[in-house]
C-alpha atoms as a PDB file:
ATOM      1  CA  MET A   1     136.655  83.051 206.784  1.00  0.00           C
ATOM      2  CA  ALA A   2     133.116  83.380 205.254  1.00  0.00           C
ATOM      3  CA  ASN A   3     132.803  83.504 201.616  1.00  0.00           C
ATOM      4  CA  LYS A   4     131.197  87.055 200.633  1.00  0.00           C
ATOM      5  CA  PRO A   5     128.705  86.798 198.049  1.00  0.00           C
ATOM      6  CA  HIS A   6     129.811  87.716 194.347  1.00  0.00           C
ATOM      7  CA  TYR A   7     127.558  90.030 192.663  1.00  0.00           C
ATOM      8  CA  ASP A   8     127.883  90.008 188.857  1.00  0.00           C
ATOM      9  CA  MET A   9     127.089  93.561 188.027  1.00  0.00           C
ATOM     10  CA  MET A  10     127.023  92.757 184.598  1.00  0.00           C
ATOM     11  CA  ASN A  11     123.823  90.650 184.886  1.00  0.00           C
ATOM     12  CA  VAL A  12     121.948  93.175 187.038  1.00  0.00           C
ATOM     13  CA  PRO A  13     118.991  94.801 185.165  1.00  0.00           C
ATOM     14  CA  GLU A  14     119.346  98.020 187.202  1.00  0.00           C
ATOM     15  CA  TYR A  15     122.944  98.412 186.435  1.00  0.00           C
ATOM     16  CA  ASP A  16     122.207  97.894 182.959  1.00  0.00           C
ATOM     17  CA  GLU A  17     119.937 100.740 182.811  1.00  0.00           C
ATOM     18  CA  TYR A  18     122.198 102.597 184.731  1.00  0.00           C
ATOM     19  CA  ILE A  19     124.980 102.278 182.247  1.00  0.00           C
ATOM     20  CA  LYS A  20     122.525 103.043 179.358  1.00  0.00           C
ATOM     21  CA  THR A  21     121.515 106.301 180.889  1.00  0.00           C
ATOM     22  CA  GLN A  22     124.898 107.267 181.541  1.00  0.00           C
ATOM     23  CA  ARG A  23     126.089 106.432 178.007  1.00  0.00           C
ATOM     24  CA  LYS A  24     122.924 108.447 176.743  1.00  0.00           C
ATOM     25  CA  ALA A  25     123.887 111.414 178.934  1.00  0.00           C
ATOM     26  CA  PHE A  26     127.582 111.291 177.997  1.00  0.00           C
ATOM     27  CA  ARG A  27     126.639 111.261 174.392  1.00  0.00           C
ATOM     28  CA  GLY A  28     124.568 114.227 174.702  1.00  0.00           C
ATOM     29  CA  THR A  29     126.817 116.028 176.681  1.00  0.00           C
ATOM     30  CA  GLU A  30     129.658 115.249 174.191  1.00  0.00           C
ATOM     31  CA  ARG A  31     127.604 116.233 171.265  1.00  0.00           C
ATOM     32  CA  LYS A  32     126.553 119.395 172.928  1.00  0.00           C
ATOM     33  CA  GLN A  33     130.198 120.253 173.384  1.00  0.00           C
ATOM     34  CA  THR A  34     131.084 119.375 169.887  1.00  0.00           C
ATOM     35  CA  GLU A  35     128.245 121.569 168.625  1.00  0.00           C
ATOM     36  CA  GLU A  36     129.538 124.397 170.825  1.00  0.00           C
ATOM     37  CA  ARG A  37     133.017 124.109 169.779  1.00  0.00           C
ATOM     38  CA  ALA A  38     132.073 123.577 165.925  1.00  0.00           C
ATOM     39  CA  TYR A  39     130.093 126.842 166.146  1.00  0.00           C
ATOM     40  CA  SER A  40     132.536 128.871 168.073  1.00  0.00           C
ATOM     41  CA  PHE A  41     135.918 128.315 166.528  1.00  0.00           C
ATOM     42  CA  ASP A  42     137.590 130.793 164.148  1.00  0.00           C
ATOM     43  CA  LEU A  43     137.103 130.571 160.411  1.00  0.00           C
ATOM     44  CA  LYS A  44     137.897 134.142 159.154  1.00  0.00           C
ATOM     45  CA  CYS A  45     141.035 133.159 157.216  1.00  0.00           C
ATOM     46  CA  ILE A  46     139.284 130.536 155.507  1.00  0.00           C
ATOM     47  CA  ILE A  47     136.361 132.642 154.656  1.00  0.00           C
ATOM     48  CA  SER A  48     138.906 135.429 153.129  1.00  0.00           C
ATOM     49  CA  LYS A  49     140.567 132.521 151.097  1.00  0.00           C
ATOM     50  CA  ALA A  50     137.287 131.218 149.971  1.00  0.00           C
ATOM     51  CA  ILE A  51     136.043 134.734 148.792  1.00  0.00           C
ATOM     52  CA  ASP A  52     139.475 135.290 147.037  1.00  0.00           C
ATOM     53  CA  GLU A  53     139.876 131.516 145.599  1.00  0.00           C
ATOM     54  CA  TYR A  54     136.246 130.820 144.225  1.00  0.00           C
ATOM     55  CA  GLU A  55     135.243 134.497 143.758  1.00  0.00           C
ATOM     56  CA  TRP A  56     132.270 133.805 146.110  1.00  0.00           C
ATOM     57  CA  THR A  57     130.283 136.672 147.561  1.00  0.00           C
ATOM     58  CA  LYS A  58     130.428 137.413 151.313  1.00  0.00           C
ATOM     59  CA  GLU A  59     126.765 136.441 151.825  1.00  0.00           C
ATOM     60  CA  LYS A  60     127.213 132.970 149.879  1.00  0.00           C
ATOM     61  CA  THR A  61     130.765 132.301 151.847  1.00  0.00           C
ATOM     62  CA  TYR A  62     129.024 133.045 155.183  1.00  0.00           C
ATOM     63  CA  CYS A  63     126.348 130.662 154.453  1.00  0.00           C
ATOM     64  CA  ILE A  64     128.689 127.920 153.215  1.00  0.00           C
ATOM     65  CA  GLN A  65     130.972 128.382 156.519  1.00  0.00           C
ATOM     66  CA  ARG A  66     127.902 127.947 158.385  1.00  0.00           C
ATOM     67  CA  GLU A  67     126.976 124.825 156.733  1.00  0.00           C
ATOM     68  CA  TYR A  68     130.464 123.573 156.909  1.00  0.00           C
ATOM     69  CA  ARG A  69     130.152 123.851 160.626  1.00  0.00           C
ATOM     70  CA  ARG A  70     127.139 121.795 160.575  1.00  0.00           C
ATOM     71  CA  PHE A  71     128.974 119.391 158.297  1.00  0.00           C
ATOM     72  CA  LEU A  72     131.735 118.883 160.913  1.00  0.00           C
ATOM     73  CA  ILE A  73     128.860 118.098 163.699  1.00  0.00           C
ATOM     74  CA  LEU A  74     127.531 115.483 161.219  1.00  0.00           C
ATOM     75  CA  CYS A  75     130.978 114.046 160.823  1.00  0.00           C
ATOM     76  CA  SER A  76     131.061 113.627 164.764  1.00  0.00           C
ATOM     77  CA  LEU A  77     128.094 111.503 164.429  1.00  0.00           C
ATOM     78  CA  ASP A  78     128.806 109.432 161.436  1.00  0.00           C
ATOM     79  CA  GLU A  79     132.053 108.555 159.348  1.00  0.00           C
ATOM     80  CA  GLU A  80     130.376 108.132 156.047  1.00  0.00           C
ATOM     81  CA  ILE A  81     129.283 111.819 155.691  1.00  0.00           C
ATOM     82  CA  VAL A  82     129.543 113.204 152.154  1.00  0.00           C
ATOM     83  CA  PRO A  83     129.558 116.913 151.833  1.00  0.00           C
ATOM     84  CA  PRO A  84     127.973 118.920 148.847  1.00  0.00           C
ATOM     85  CA  VAL A  85     130.535 120.405 146.165  1.00  0.00           C
ATOM     86  CA  ASP A  86     130.847 123.808 147.937  1.00  0.00           C
ATOM     87  CA  ILE A  87     131.515 122.483 151.551  1.00  0.00           C
ATOM     88  CA  ASP A  88     134.049 120.251 150.052  1.00  0.00           C
ATOM     89  CA  LYS A  89     135.752 123.151 148.528  1.00  0.00           C
ATOM     90  CA  PHE A  90     135.601 125.086 151.975  1.00  0.00           C
ATOM     91  CA  TRP A  91     136.947 122.079 153.780  1.00  0.00           C
ATOM     92  CA  HIS A  92     139.848 121.706 151.337  1.00  0.00           C
ATOM     93  CA  LEU A  93     140.784 125.312 151.899  1.00  0.00           C
ATOM     94  CA  HIS A  94     140.686 124.408 155.575  1.00  0.00           C
ATOM     95  CA  ILE A  95     142.734 121.320 155.386  1.00  0.00           C
ATOM     96  CA  LEU A  96     145.374 123.295 153.137  1.00  0.00           C
ATOM     97  CA  ASP A  97     146.107 125.398 156.318  1.00  0.00           C
ATOM     98  CA  THR A  98     147.647 122.320 157.979  1.00  0.00           C
ATOM     99  CA  GLU A  99     148.297 123.675 161.552  1.00  0.00           C
ATOM    100  CA  LYS A 100     145.064 125.585 161.666  1.00  0.00           C
ATOM    101  CA  TYR A 101     143.098 122.445 160.737  1.00  0.00           C
ATOM    102  CA  GLU A 102     144.834 120.347 162.970  1.00  0.00           C
ATOM    103  CA  GLU A 103     144.363 122.593 165.845  1.00  0.00           C
ATOM    104  CA  ASP A 104     140.647 123.151 164.986  1.00  0.00           C
ATOM    105  CA  CYS A 105     140.199 119.307 164.733  1.00  0.00           C
ATOM    106  CA  GLU A 106     141.706 118.631 168.097  1.00  0.00           C
ATOM    107  CA  TYR A 107     139.370 121.541 169.666  1.00  0.00           C
ATOM    108  CA  ILE A 108     136.330 120.320 168.084  1.00  0.00           C
ATOM    109  CA  PHE A 109     136.593 116.473 168.039  1.00  0.00           C
ATOM    110  CA  GLY A 110     139.771 116.017 170.403  1.00  0.00           C
ATOM    111  CA  HIS A 111     141.523 114.277 167.658  1.00  0.00           C
ATOM    112  CA  PHE A 112     142.557 114.747 164.063  1.00  0.00           C
ATOM    113  CA  MET A 113     139.898 114.194 161.287  1.00  0.00           C
ATOM    114  CA  HIS A 114     141.201 112.755 158.201  1.00  0.00           C
ATOM    115  CA  HIS A 115     139.920 113.470 154.674  1.00  0.00           C
ATOM    116  CA  SER A 116     139.896 110.245 152.666  1.00  0.00           C
ATOM    117  CA  PRO A 117     138.352 110.712 149.305  1.00  0.00           C
ATOM    118  CA  ASP A 118     136.972 107.425 147.765  1.00  0.00           C
ATOM    119  CA  TYR A 119     137.009 107.938 144.237  1.00  0.00           C
ATOM    120  CA  SER A 120     135.657 104.503 143.501  1.00  0.00           C
ATOM    121  CA  THR A 121     132.553 105.096 145.124  1.00  0.00           C
ATOM    122  CA  GLU A 122     131.453 107.615 142.521  1.00  0.00           C
ATOM    123  CA  GLU A 123     131.421 104.813 140.057  1.00  0.00           C
ATOM    124  CA  ASP A 124     129.327 102.326 141.903  1.00  0.00           C
ATOM    125  CA  GLY A 125     126.740 104.899 143.254  1.00  0.00           C
ATOM    126  CA  LYS A 126     127.820 104.735 146.817  1.00  0.00           C
ATOM    127  CA  MET A 127     128.525 108.092 147.238  1.00  0.00           C
ATOM    128  CA  GLU A 128     125.074 109.269 146.023  1.00  0.00           C
ATOM    129  CA  ASP A 129     123.535 106.776 148.442  1.00  0.00           C
ATOM    130  CA  ASP A 130     125.943 108.288 151.277  1.00  0.00           C
ATOM    131  CA  PHE A 131     124.801 111.653 150.361  1.00  0.00           C
ATOM    132  CA  LYS A 132     121.019 110.817 150.660  1.00  0.00           C
ATOM    133  CA  VAL A 133     122.078 109.428 154.265  1.00  0.00           C
ATOM    134  CA  THR A 134     123.934 112.699 154.970  1.00  0.00           C
ATOM    135  CA  LEU A 135     120.763 114.372 154.153  1.00  0.00           C
ATOM    136  CA  ALA A 136     118.637 112.417 156.283  1.00  0.00           C
ATOM    137  CA  LEU A 137     120.995 112.875 159.117  1.00  0.00           C
ATOM    138  CA  TYR A 138     121.073 116.510 158.609  1.00  0.00           C
ATOM    139  CA  ARG A 139     117.216 116.636 158.991  1.00  0.00           C
ATOM    140  CA  THR A 140     117.491 114.487 162.000  1.00  0.00           C
ATOM    141  CA  THR A 141     120.192 116.248 163.500  1.00  0.00           C
ATOM    142  CA  PHE A 142     119.129 119.973 162.845  1.00  0.00           C
ATOM    143  CA  LYS A 143     115.412 119.343 162.704  1.00  0.00           C
ATOM    144  CA  GLN A 144     115.186 121.374 159.173  1.00  0.00           C
ATOM    145  CA  GLU A 145     115.543 120.968 155.596  1.00  0.00           C
ATOM    146  CA  PRO A 146     119.247 121.635 154.339  1.00  0.00           C
ATOM    147  CA  PRO A 147     119.570 124.549 152.427  1.00  0.00           C
ATOM    148  CA  LYS A 148     118.817 123.499 148.624  1.00  0.00           C
ATOM    149  CA  ASN A 149     121.308 126.199 147.319  1.00  0.00           C
ATOM    150  CA  ILE A 150     124.452 124.457 149.406  1.00  0.00           C
ATOM    151  CA  TRP A 151     123.364 120.872 149.766  1.00  0.00           C
ATOM    152  CA  ARG A 152     122.726 120.009 146.146  1.00  0.00           C
END
């Protein structure tokens, strides 16, 4: 029986390029799906709670929920995202509705997104540095400046 030639696909440049193209396409598709889902899930009950809890106007609350959705998109891109204060408050209200939060995370990300506050970072300036990185990622992702009245 003649030996068949063995092709090591891991060392074929065309294959490497094919894999890179497929990964890029997948990430693009995955990101688009995450964005579509982040913009489409229902936050009415969280908006109502925020208006009652924080006495925000409807206009302010709608702006914060829009930016919260963008925050979730950023979270799907990087694990070190730091939200501004009002988005963090909105996030906490969402988390407190545990069943809804779990369901929404599953819908948007395909898994539960934990909130792990790291209080030690406030002391060494890491949180401030991570917030600057978050703002840069926002600009790159959404091709605009974050609203200064929320992202401060």
